[in-house]
Amino acid sequence: MRIGIKYCGGCNPRYDRTNIAQRLREDLPESEIMSAAPGLNMDYVVVVCGCKSACALVDGLAGRYGRTILTEPDAYDGLLNTLKQLQRR
């Protein structure tokens, strides 16, 4: 599975946003974790925002199976479950 990662601008981060991508690499070693960009062929997009404002621009960012906007590290487990279910397809 190809998972695109987009980070917010980081103006008000409340947690280590890069840790999310690292955890995905460790938890889903068979997946390709890449920088998300419009027009890329991605199965899923994860937008990692450092706070609840979730102001990252997401225009044109779409994954074949969807997109999640993460605004807190506690939401990681739900994201991981979603991605593991998609991998089983």
PDB file of N, CA and C in Angstrom:
ATOM      1  N   MET A   1       0.832  -1.163   0.000  1.00  0.00           N
ATOM      2  CA  MET A   1       0.000   0.000   0.000  1.00  0.00           C
ATOM      3  C   MET A   1       0.887   1.241   0.000  1.00  0.00           C
ATOM      4  N   ARG A   2       0.500   2.234  -0.775  1.00  0.00           N
ATOM      5  CA  ARG A   2       1.241   3.500  -0.852  1.00  0.00           C
ATOM      6  C   ARG A   2       0.505   4.533  -0.006  1.00  0.00           C
ATOM      7  N   ILE A   3       1.163   4.998   1.046  1.00  0.00           N
ATOM      8  CA  ILE A   3       0.561   5.942   1.979  1.00  0.00           C
ATOM      9  C   ILE A   3       1.288   7.273   1.866  1.00  0.00           C
ATOM     10  N   GLY A   4       0.544   8.299   1.491  1.00  0.00           N
ATOM     11  CA  GLY A   4       1.112   9.636   1.370  1.00  0.00           C
ATOM     12  C   GLY A   4       0.948  10.408   2.668  1.00  0.00           C
ATOM     13  N   ILE A   5       2.007  11.097   3.090  1.00  0.00           N
ATOM     14  CA  ILE A   5       1.990  11.903   4.307  1.00  0.00           C
ATOM     15  C   ILE A   5       2.129  13.371   3.934  1.00  0.00           C
ATOM     16  N   LYS A   6       1.251  14.185   4.479  1.00  0.00           N
ATOM     17  CA  LYS A   6       1.330  15.650   4.308  1.00  0.00           C
ATOM     18  C   LYS A   6       1.355  16.248   5.705  1.00  0.00           C
ATOM     19  N   TYR A   7       2.294  17.138   5.967  1.00  0.00           N
ATOM     20  CA  TYR A   7       2.386  17.815   7.255  1.00  0.00           C
ATOM     21  C   TYR A   7       1.803  19.219   7.132  1.00  0.00           C
ATOM     22  N   CYS A   8       1.254  19.703   8.237  1.00  0.00           N
ATOM     23  CA  CYS A   8       0.838  21.096   8.290  1.00  0.00           C
ATOM     24  C   CYS A   8       2.089  21.971   8.315  1.00  0.00           C
ATOM     25  N   GLY A   9       1.913  23.257   8.367  1.00  0.00           N
ATOM     26  CA  GLY A   9       3.048  24.177   8.371  1.00  0.00           C
ATOM     27  C   GLY A   9       3.825  24.205   9.670  1.00  0.00           C
ATOM     28  N   GLY A  10       3.263  23.651  10.743  1.00  0.00           N
ATOM     29  CA  GLY A  10       3.985  23.566  12.002  1.00  0.00           C
ATOM     30  C   GLY A  10       4.010  24.844  12.817  1.00  0.00           C
ATOM     31  N   CYS A  11       3.032  25.725  12.625  1.00  0.00           N
ATOM     32  CA  CYS A  11       3.052  26.997  13.354  1.00  0.00           C
ATOM     33  C   CYS A  11       2.710  26.833  14.835  1.00  0.00           C
ATOM     34  N   ASN A  12       1.991  25.767  15.188  1.00  0.00           N
ATOM     35  CA  ASN A  12       1.572  25.590  16.581  1.00  0.00           C
ATOM     36  C   ASN A  12       1.540  24.104  16.953  1.00  0.00           C
ATOM     37  N   PRO A  13       2.621  23.369  16.720  1.00  0.00           N
ATOM     38  CA  PRO A  13       2.568  21.925  16.971  1.00  0.00           C
ATOM     39  C   PRO A  13       2.463  21.588  18.457  1.00  0.00           C
ATOM     40  N   ARG A  14       1.574  20.685  18.780  1.00  0.00           N
ATOM     41  CA  ARG A  14       1.362  20.250  20.164  1.00  0.00           C
ATOM     42  C   ARG A  14       1.988  18.882  20.431  1.00  0.00           C
ATOM     43  N   TYR A  15       2.555  18.268  19.392  1.00  0.00           N
ATOM     44  CA  TYR A  15       3.193  16.957  19.524  1.00  0.00           C
ATOM     45  C   TYR A  15       4.180  16.789  18.384  1.00  0.00           C
ATOM     46  N   ASP A  16       4.996  15.748  18.456  1.00  0.00           N
ATOM     47  CA  ASP A  16       6.007  15.464  17.432  1.00  0.00           C
ATOM     48  C   ASP A  16       5.322  14.852  16.212  1.00  0.00           C
ATOM     49  N   ARG A  17       5.060  15.658  15.225  1.00  0.00           N
ATOM     50  CA  ARG A  17       4.331  15.204  14.033  1.00  0.00           C
ATOM     51  C   ARG A  17       5.111  14.173  13.234  1.00  0.00           C
ATOM     52  N   THR A  18       6.426  14.306  13.176  1.00  0.00           N
ATOM     53  CA  THR A  18       7.215  13.357  12.382  1.00  0.00           C
ATOM     54  C   THR A  18       7.200  11.959  12.983  1.00  0.00           C
ATOM     55  N   ASN A  19       6.896  11.865  14.266  1.00  0.00           N
ATOM     56  CA  ASN A  19       6.802  10.573  14.925  1.00  0.00           C
ATOM     57  C   ASN A  19       5.671   9.726  14.320  1.00  0.00           C
ATOM     58  N   ILE A  20       4.640  10.360  13.811  1.00  0.00           N
ATOM     59  CA  ILE A  20       3.520   9.629  13.207  1.00  0.00           C
ATOM     60  C   ILE A  20       4.015   8.844  11.991  1.00  0.00           C
ATOM     61  N   ALA A  21       4.768   9.485  11.125  1.00  0.00           N
ATOM     62  CA  ALA A  21       5.293   8.801   9.936  1.00  0.00           C
ATOM     63  C   ALA A  21       6.245   7.683  10.335  1.00  0.00           C
ATOM     64  N   GLN A  22       7.062   7.923  11.342  1.00  0.00           N
ATOM     65  CA  GLN A  22       7.992   6.888  11.802  1.00  0.00           C
ATOM     66  C   GLN A  22       7.230   5.680  12.337  1.00  0.00           C
ATOM     67  N   ARG A  23       6.179   5.932  13.101  1.00  0.00           N
ATOM     68  CA  ARG A  23       5.372   4.833  13.634  1.00  0.00           C
ATOM     69  C   ARG A  23       4.708   4.053  12.503  1.00  0.00           C
ATOM     70  N   LEU A  24       4.235   4.750  11.475  1.00  0.00           N
ATOM     71  CA  LEU A  24       3.630   4.053  10.334  1.00  0.00           C
ATOM     72  C   LEU A  24       4.655   3.155   9.653  1.00  0.00           C
ATOM     73  N   ARG A  25       5.873   3.647   9.487  1.00  0.00           N
ATOM     74  CA  ARG A  25       6.930   2.832   8.873  1.00  0.00           C
ATOM     75  C   ARG A  25       7.207   1.577   9.698  1.00  0.00           C
ATOM     76  N   GLU A  26       7.196   1.717  11.004  1.00  0.00           N
ATOM     77  CA  GLU A  26       7.460   0.570  11.877  1.00  0.00           C
ATOM     78  C   GLU A  26       6.273  -0.395  11.927  1.00  0.00           C
ATOM     79  N   ASP A  27       5.066   0.138  11.994  1.00  0.00           N
ATOM     80  CA  ASP A  27       3.866  -0.697  12.135  1.00  0.00           C
ATOM     81  C   ASP A  27       3.387  -1.303  10.820  1.00  0.00           C
ATOM     82  N   LEU A  28       3.756  -0.684   9.705  1.00  0.00           N
ATOM     83  CA  LEU A  28       3.342  -1.172   8.380  1.00  0.00           C
ATOM     84  C   LEU A  28       4.564  -1.296   7.473  1.00  0.00           C
ATOM     85  N   PRO A  29       5.505  -2.179   7.812  1.00  0.00           N
ATOM     86  CA  PRO A  29       6.762  -2.241   7.054  1.00  0.00           C
ATOM     87  C   PRO A  29       6.588  -2.618   5.584  1.00  0.00           C
ATOM     88  N   GLU A  30       5.483  -3.256   5.233  1.00  0.00           N
ATOM     89  CA  GLU A  30       5.261  -3.648   3.843  1.00  0.00           C
ATOM     90  C   GLU A  30       4.678  -2.505   3.003  1.00  0.00           C
ATOM     91  N   SER A  31       4.340  -1.389   3.653  1.00  0.00           N
ATOM     92  CA  SER A  31       3.780  -0.239   2.943  1.00  0.00           C
ATOM     93  C   SER A  31       4.868   0.738   2.544  1.00  0.00           C
ATOM     94  N   GLU A  32       4.596   1.491   1.509  1.00  0.00           N
ATOM     95  CA  GLU A  32       5.490   2.560   1.081  1.00  0.00           C
ATOM     96  C   GLU A  32       4.957   3.864   1.651  1.00  0.00           C
ATOM     97  N   ILE A  33       5.729   4.501   2.528  1.00  0.00           N
ATOM     98  CA  ILE A  33       5.357   5.780   3.121  1.00  0.00           C
ATOM     99  C   ILE A  33       6.081   6.858   2.335  1.00  0.00           C
ATOM    100  N   MET A  34       5.328   7.806   1.796  1.00  0.00           N
ATOM    101  CA  MET A  34       5.892   8.800   0.902  1.00  0.00           C
ATOM    102  C   MET A  34       5.307  10.177   1.184  1.00  0.00           C
ATOM    103  N   SER A  35       5.922  11.214   0.653  1.00  0.00           N
ATOM    104  CA  SER A  35       5.361  12.557   0.754  1.00  0.00           C
ATOM    105  C   SER A  35       4.161  12.656  -0.169  1.00  0.00           C
ATOM    106  N   ALA A  36       3.068  13.155   0.371  1.00  0.00           N
ATOM    107  CA  ALA A  36       1.854  13.306  -0.435  1.00  0.00           C
ATOM    108  C   ALA A  36       1.950  14.556  -1.304  1.00  0.00           C
ATOM    109  N   ALA A  37       1.450  14.441  -2.510  1.00  0.00           N
ATOM    110  CA  ALA A  37       1.395  15.567  -3.431  1.00  0.00           C
ATOM    111  C   ALA A  37       0.251  15.337  -4.401  1.00  0.00           C
ATOM    112  N   PRO A  38      -0.410  16.413  -4.834  1.00  0.00           N
ATOM    113  CA  PRO A  38      -1.488  16.251  -5.806  1.00  0.00           C
ATOM    114  C   PRO A  38      -1.001  15.525  -7.057  1.00  0.00           C
ATOM    115  N   GLY A  39      -1.811  14.625  -7.543  1.00  0.00           N
ATOM    116  CA  GLY A  39      -1.496  13.907  -8.758  1.00  0.00           C
ATOM    117  C   GLY A  39      -0.717  12.619  -8.570  1.00  0.00           C
ATOM    118  N   LEU A  40      -0.200  12.376  -7.374  1.00  0.00           N
ATOM    119  CA  LEU A  40       0.521  11.122  -7.131  1.00  0.00           C
ATOM    120  C   LEU A  40      -0.464   9.979  -6.952  1.00  0.00           C
ATOM    121  N   ASN A  41      -0.056   8.795  -7.353  1.00  0.00           N
ATOM    122  CA  ASN A  41      -0.865   7.600  -7.187  1.00  0.00           C
ATOM    123  C   ASN A  41      -0.663   7.071  -5.766  1.00  0.00           C
ATOM    124  N   MET A  42      -1.626   7.379  -4.885  1.00  0.00           N
ATOM    125  CA  MET A  42      -1.529   6.964  -3.484  1.00  0.00           C
ATOM    126  C   MET A  42      -2.782   6.181  -3.120  1.00  0.00           C
ATOM    127  N   ASP A  43      -2.615   5.187  -2.263  1.00  0.00           N
ATOM    128  CA  ASP A  43      -3.771   4.431  -1.787  1.00  0.00           C
ATOM    129  C   ASP A  43      -4.488   5.155  -0.659  1.00  0.00           C
ATOM    130  N   TYR A  44      -3.727   5.850   0.173  1.00  0.00           N
ATOM    131  CA  TYR A  44      -4.314   6.551   1.307  1.00  0.00           C
ATOM    132  C   TYR A  44      -3.457   7.763   1.620  1.00  0.00           C
ATOM    133  N   VAL A  45      -4.092   8.823   2.103  1.00  0.00           N
ATOM    134  CA  VAL A  45      -3.379  10.046   2.462  1.00  0.00           C
ATOM    135  C   VAL A  45      -3.608  10.326   3.938  1.00  0.00           C
ATOM    136  N   VAL A  46      -2.522  10.637   4.640  1.00  0.00           N
ATOM    137  CA  VAL A  46      -2.586  11.034   6.048  1.00  0.00           C
ATOM    138  C   VAL A  46      -2.063  12.455   6.139  1.00  0.00           C
ATOM    139  N   VAL A  47      -2.923  13.360   6.595  1.00  0.00           N
ATOM    140  CA  VAL A  47      -2.538  14.747   6.790  1.00  0.00           C
ATOM    141  C   VAL A  47      -2.271  14.913   8.284  1.00  0.00           C
ATOM    142  N   VAL A  48      -1.031  15.201   8.631  1.00  0.00           N
ATOM    143  CA  VAL A  48      -0.618  15.281  10.036  1.00  0.00           C
ATOM    144  C   VAL A  48      -0.569  16.751  10.437  1.00  0.00           C
ATOM    145  N   CYS A  49      -1.566  17.152  11.216  1.00  0.00           N
ATOM    146  CA  CYS A  49      -1.662  18.526  11.702  1.00  0.00           C
ATOM    147  C   CYS A  49      -1.250  18.566  13.165  1.00  0.00           C
ATOM    148  N   GLY A  50      -0.512  19.582  13.550  1.00  0.00           N
ATOM    149  CA  GLY A  50       0.022  19.677  14.900  1.00  0.00           C
ATOM    150  C   GLY A  50      -0.959  20.163  15.945  1.00  0.00           C
ATOM    151  N   CYS A  51      -2.124  20.649  15.518  1.00  0.00           N
ATOM    152  CA  CYS A  51      -3.116  21.129  16.479  1.00  0.00           C
ATOM    153  C   CYS A  51      -4.516  20.937  15.898  1.00  0.00           C
ATOM    154  N   LYS A  52      -5.516  21.278  16.674  1.00  0.00           N
ATOM    155  CA  LYS A  52      -6.915  21.067  16.283  1.00  0.00           C
ATOM    156  C   LYS A  52      -7.374  21.999  15.159  1.00  0.00           C
ATOM    157  N   SER A  53      -6.602  23.021  14.839  1.00  0.00           N
ATOM    158  CA  SER A  53      -6.998  23.931  13.757  1.00  0.00           C
ATOM    159  C   SER A  53      -7.058  23.216  12.409  1.00  0.00           C
ATOM    160  N   ALA A  54      -6.218  22.230  12.227  1.00  0.00           N
ATOM    161  CA  ALA A  54      -6.179  21.433  10.990  1.00  0.00           C
ATOM    162  C   ALA A  54      -6.214  22.330   9.751  1.00  0.00           C
ATOM    163  N   CYS A  55      -5.304  23.277   9.713  1.00  0.00           N
ATOM    164  CA  CYS A  55      -5.318  24.275   8.639  1.00  0.00           C
ATOM    165  C   CYS A  55      -4.479  23.888   7.417  1.00  0.00           C
ATOM    166  N   ALA A  56      -3.921  22.689   7.399  1.00  0.00           N
ATOM    167  CA  ALA A  56      -3.109  22.264   6.249  1.00  0.00           C
ATOM    168  C   ALA A  56      -3.959  22.237   4.981  1.00  0.00           C
ATOM    169  N   LEU A  57      -3.402  22.704   3.906  1.00  0.00           N
ATOM    170  CA  LEU A  57      -4.110  22.664   2.624  1.00  0.00           C
ATOM    171  C   LEU A  57      -4.137  21.237   2.099  1.00  0.00           C
ATOM    172  N   VAL A  58      -5.308  20.779   1.721  1.00  0.00           N
ATOM    173  CA  VAL A  58      -5.459  19.404   1.250  1.00  0.00           C
ATOM    174  C   VAL A  58      -6.032  19.336  -0.163  1.00  0.00           C
ATOM    175  N   ASP A  59      -6.147  20.480  -0.822  1.00  0.00           N
ATOM    176  CA  ASP A  59      -6.683  20.503  -2.185  1.00  0.00           C
ATOM    177  C   ASP A  59      -5.889  19.567  -3.087  1.00  0.00           C
ATOM    178  N   GLY A  60      -6.575  18.696  -3.757  1.00  0.00           N
ATOM    179  CA  GLY A  60      -5.947  17.782  -4.704  1.00  0.00           C
ATOM    180  C   GLY A  60      -5.297  16.565  -4.073  1.00  0.00           C
ATOM    181  N   LEU A  61      -5.340  16.446  -2.756  1.00  0.00           N
ATOM    182  CA  LEU A  61      -4.750  15.281  -2.096  1.00  0.00           C
ATOM    183  C   LEU A  61      -5.831  14.234  -1.869  1.00  0.00           C
ATOM    184  N   ALA A  62      -5.719  13.165  -2.597  1.00  0.00           N
ATOM    185  CA  ALA A  62      -6.712  12.102  -2.472  1.00  0.00           C
ATOM    186  C   ALA A  62      -6.025  10.755  -2.607  1.00  0.00           C
ATOM    187  N   GLY A  63      -6.447   9.849  -1.772  1.00  0.00           N
ATOM    188  CA  GLY A  63      -5.981   8.481  -1.883  1.00  0.00           C
ATOM    189  C   GLY A  63      -7.096   7.626  -2.454  1.00  0.00           C
ATOM    190  N   ARG A  64      -6.734   6.547  -3.062  1.00  0.00           N
ATOM    191  CA  ARG A  64      -7.725   5.647  -3.664  1.00  0.00           C
ATOM    192  C   ARG A  64      -8.751   5.183  -2.629  1.00  0.00           C
ATOM    193  N   TYR A  65      -8.312   4.974  -1.375  1.00  0.00           N
ATOM    194  CA  TYR A  65      -9.209   4.508  -0.311  1.00  0.00           C
ATOM    195  C   TYR A  65      -9.586   5.594   0.680  1.00  0.00           C
ATOM    196  N   GLY A  66      -9.093   6.813   0.487  1.00  0.00           N
ATOM    197  CA  GLY A  66      -9.501   7.891   1.374  1.00  0.00           C
ATOM    198  C   GLY A  66      -8.355   8.684   1.955  1.00  0.00           C
ATOM    199  N   ARG A  67      -8.743   9.481   2.960  1.00  0.00           N
ATOM    200  CA  ARG A  67      -7.799  10.407   3.576  1.00  0.00           C
ATOM    201  C   ARG A  67      -8.212  10.603   5.039  1.00  0.00           C
ATOM    202  N   THR A  68      -7.218  10.752   5.898  1.00  0.00           N
ATOM    203  CA  THR A  68      -7.448  11.066   7.304  1.00  0.00           C
ATOM    204  C   THR A  68      -6.671  12.322   7.647  1.00  0.00           C
ATOM    205  N   ILE A  69      -7.307  13.197   8.416  1.00  0.00           N
ATOM    206  CA  ILE A  69      -6.625  14.368   8.954  1.00  0.00           C
ATOM    207  C   ILE A  69      -6.433  14.111  10.439  1.00  0.00           C
ATOM    208  N   LEU A  70      -5.192  13.967  10.828  1.00  0.00           N
ATOM    209  CA  LEU A  70      -4.830  13.648  12.204  1.00  0.00           C
ATOM    210  C   LEU A  70      -4.469  14.943  12.923  1.00  0.00           C
ATOM    211  N   THR A  71      -5.115  15.219  14.068  1.00  0.00           N
ATOM    212  CA  THR A  71      -4.824  16.445  14.804  1.00  0.00           C
ATOM    213  C   THR A  71      -4.273  16.186  16.202  1.00  0.00           C
ATOM    214  N   GLU A  72      -4.156  14.912  16.576  1.00  0.00           N
ATOM    215  CA  GLU A  72      -3.603  14.572  17.883  1.00  0.00           C
ATOM    216  C   GLU A  72      -3.040  13.155  17.838  1.00  0.00           C
ATOM    217  N   PRO A  73      -2.013  12.885  18.622  1.00  0.00           N
ATOM    218  CA  PRO A  73      -1.392  11.562  18.574  1.00  0.00           C
ATOM    219  C   PRO A  73      -2.310  10.446  19.054  1.00  0.00           C
ATOM    220  N   ASP A  74      -3.277  10.762  19.890  1.00  0.00           N
ATOM    221  CA  ASP A  74      -4.198   9.732  20.388  1.00  0.00           C
ATOM    222  C   ASP A  74      -5.043   9.113  19.278  1.00  0.00           C
ATOM    223  N   ALA A  75      -5.140   9.777  18.142  1.00  0.00           N
ATOM    224  CA  ALA A  75      -5.926   9.258  17.021  1.00  0.00           C
ATOM    225  C   ALA A  75      -5.146   8.244  16.182  1.00  0.00           C
ATOM    226  N   TYR A  76      -3.871   8.041  16.519  1.00  0.00           N
ATOM    227  CA  TYR A  76      -3.029   7.150  15.719  1.00  0.00           C
ATOM    228  C   TYR A  76      -3.565   5.721  15.674  1.00  0.00           C
ATOM    229  N   ASP A  77      -4.002   5.191  16.800  1.00  0.00           N
ATOM    230  CA  ASP A  77      -4.463   3.796  16.824  1.00  0.00           C
ATOM    231  C   ASP A  77      -5.639   3.568  15.876  1.00  0.00           C
ATOM    232  N   GLY A  78      -6.566   4.514  15.820  1.00  0.00           N
ATOM    233  CA  GLY A  78      -7.686   4.401  14.888  1.00  0.00           C
ATOM    234  C   GLY A  78      -7.217   4.434  13.446  1.00  0.00           C
ATOM    235  N   LEU A  79      -6.257   5.313  13.145  1.00  0.00           N
ATOM    236  CA  LEU A  79      -5.678   5.380  11.802  1.00  0.00           C
ATOM    237  C   LEU A  79      -5.018   4.055  11.447  1.00  0.00           C
ATOM    238  N   LEU A  80      -4.224   3.521  12.362  1.00  0.00           N
ATOM    239  CA  LEU A  80      -3.532   2.258  12.104  1.00  0.00           C
ATOM    240  C   LEU A  80      -4.526   1.131  11.847  1.00  0.00           C
ATOM    241  N   ASN A  81      -5.582   1.067  12.621  1.00  0.00           N
ATOM    242  CA  ASN A  81      -6.611   0.040  12.392  1.00  0.00           C
ATOM    243  C   ASN A  81      -7.227   0.167  11.014  1.00  0.00           C
ATOM    244  N   THR A  82      -7.533   1.391  10.605  1.00  0.00           N
ATOM    245  CA  THR A  82      -8.095   1.643   9.273  1.00  0.00           C
ATOM    246  C   THR A  82      -7.144   1.135   8.185  1.00  0.00           C
ATOM    247  N   LEU A  83      -5.869   1.486   8.308  1.00  0.00           N
ATOM    248  CA  LEU A  83      -4.895   1.102   7.299  1.00  0.00           C
ATOM    249  C   LEU A  83      -4.686  -0.423   7.255  1.00  0.00           C
ATOM    250  N   LYS A  84      -4.686  -1.060   8.415  1.00  0.00           N
ATOM    251  CA  LYS A  84      -4.535  -2.522   8.433  1.00  0.00           C
ATOM    252  C   LYS A  84      -5.744  -3.203   7.790  1.00  0.00           C
ATOM    253  N   GLN A  85      -6.935  -2.672   8.004  1.00  0.00           N
ATOM    254  CA  GLN A  85      -8.121  -3.238   7.363  1.00  0.00           C
ATOM    255  C   GLN A  85      -8.038  -3.087   5.854  1.00  0.00           C
ATOM    256  N   LEU A  86      -7.556  -1.941   5.398  1.00  0.00           N
ATOM    257  CA  LEU A  86      -7.424  -1.727   3.952  1.00  0.00           C
ATOM    258  C   LEU A  86      -6.392  -2.662   3.351  1.00  0.00           C
ATOM    259  N   GLN A  87      -5.336  -2.962   4.083  1.00  0.00           N
ATOM    260  CA  GLN A  87      -4.309  -3.867   3.584  1.00  0.00           C
ATOM    261  C   GLN A  87      -4.853  -5.288   3.399  1.00  0.00           C
ATOM    262  N   ARG A  88      -5.805  -5.659   4.192  1.00  0.00           N
ATOM    263  CA  ARG A  88      -6.368  -7.023   4.116  1.00  0.00           C
ATOM    264  C   ARG A  88      -7.234  -7.219   2.878  1.00  0.00           C
ATOM    265  N   ARG A  89      -7.625  -6.144   2.242  1.00  0.00           N
ATOM    266  CA  ARG A  89      -8.483  -6.256   1.048  1.00  0.00           C
ATOM    267  C   ARG A  89      -7.767  -6.911  -0.092  1.00  0.00           C
TER     268      ARG A  89
END
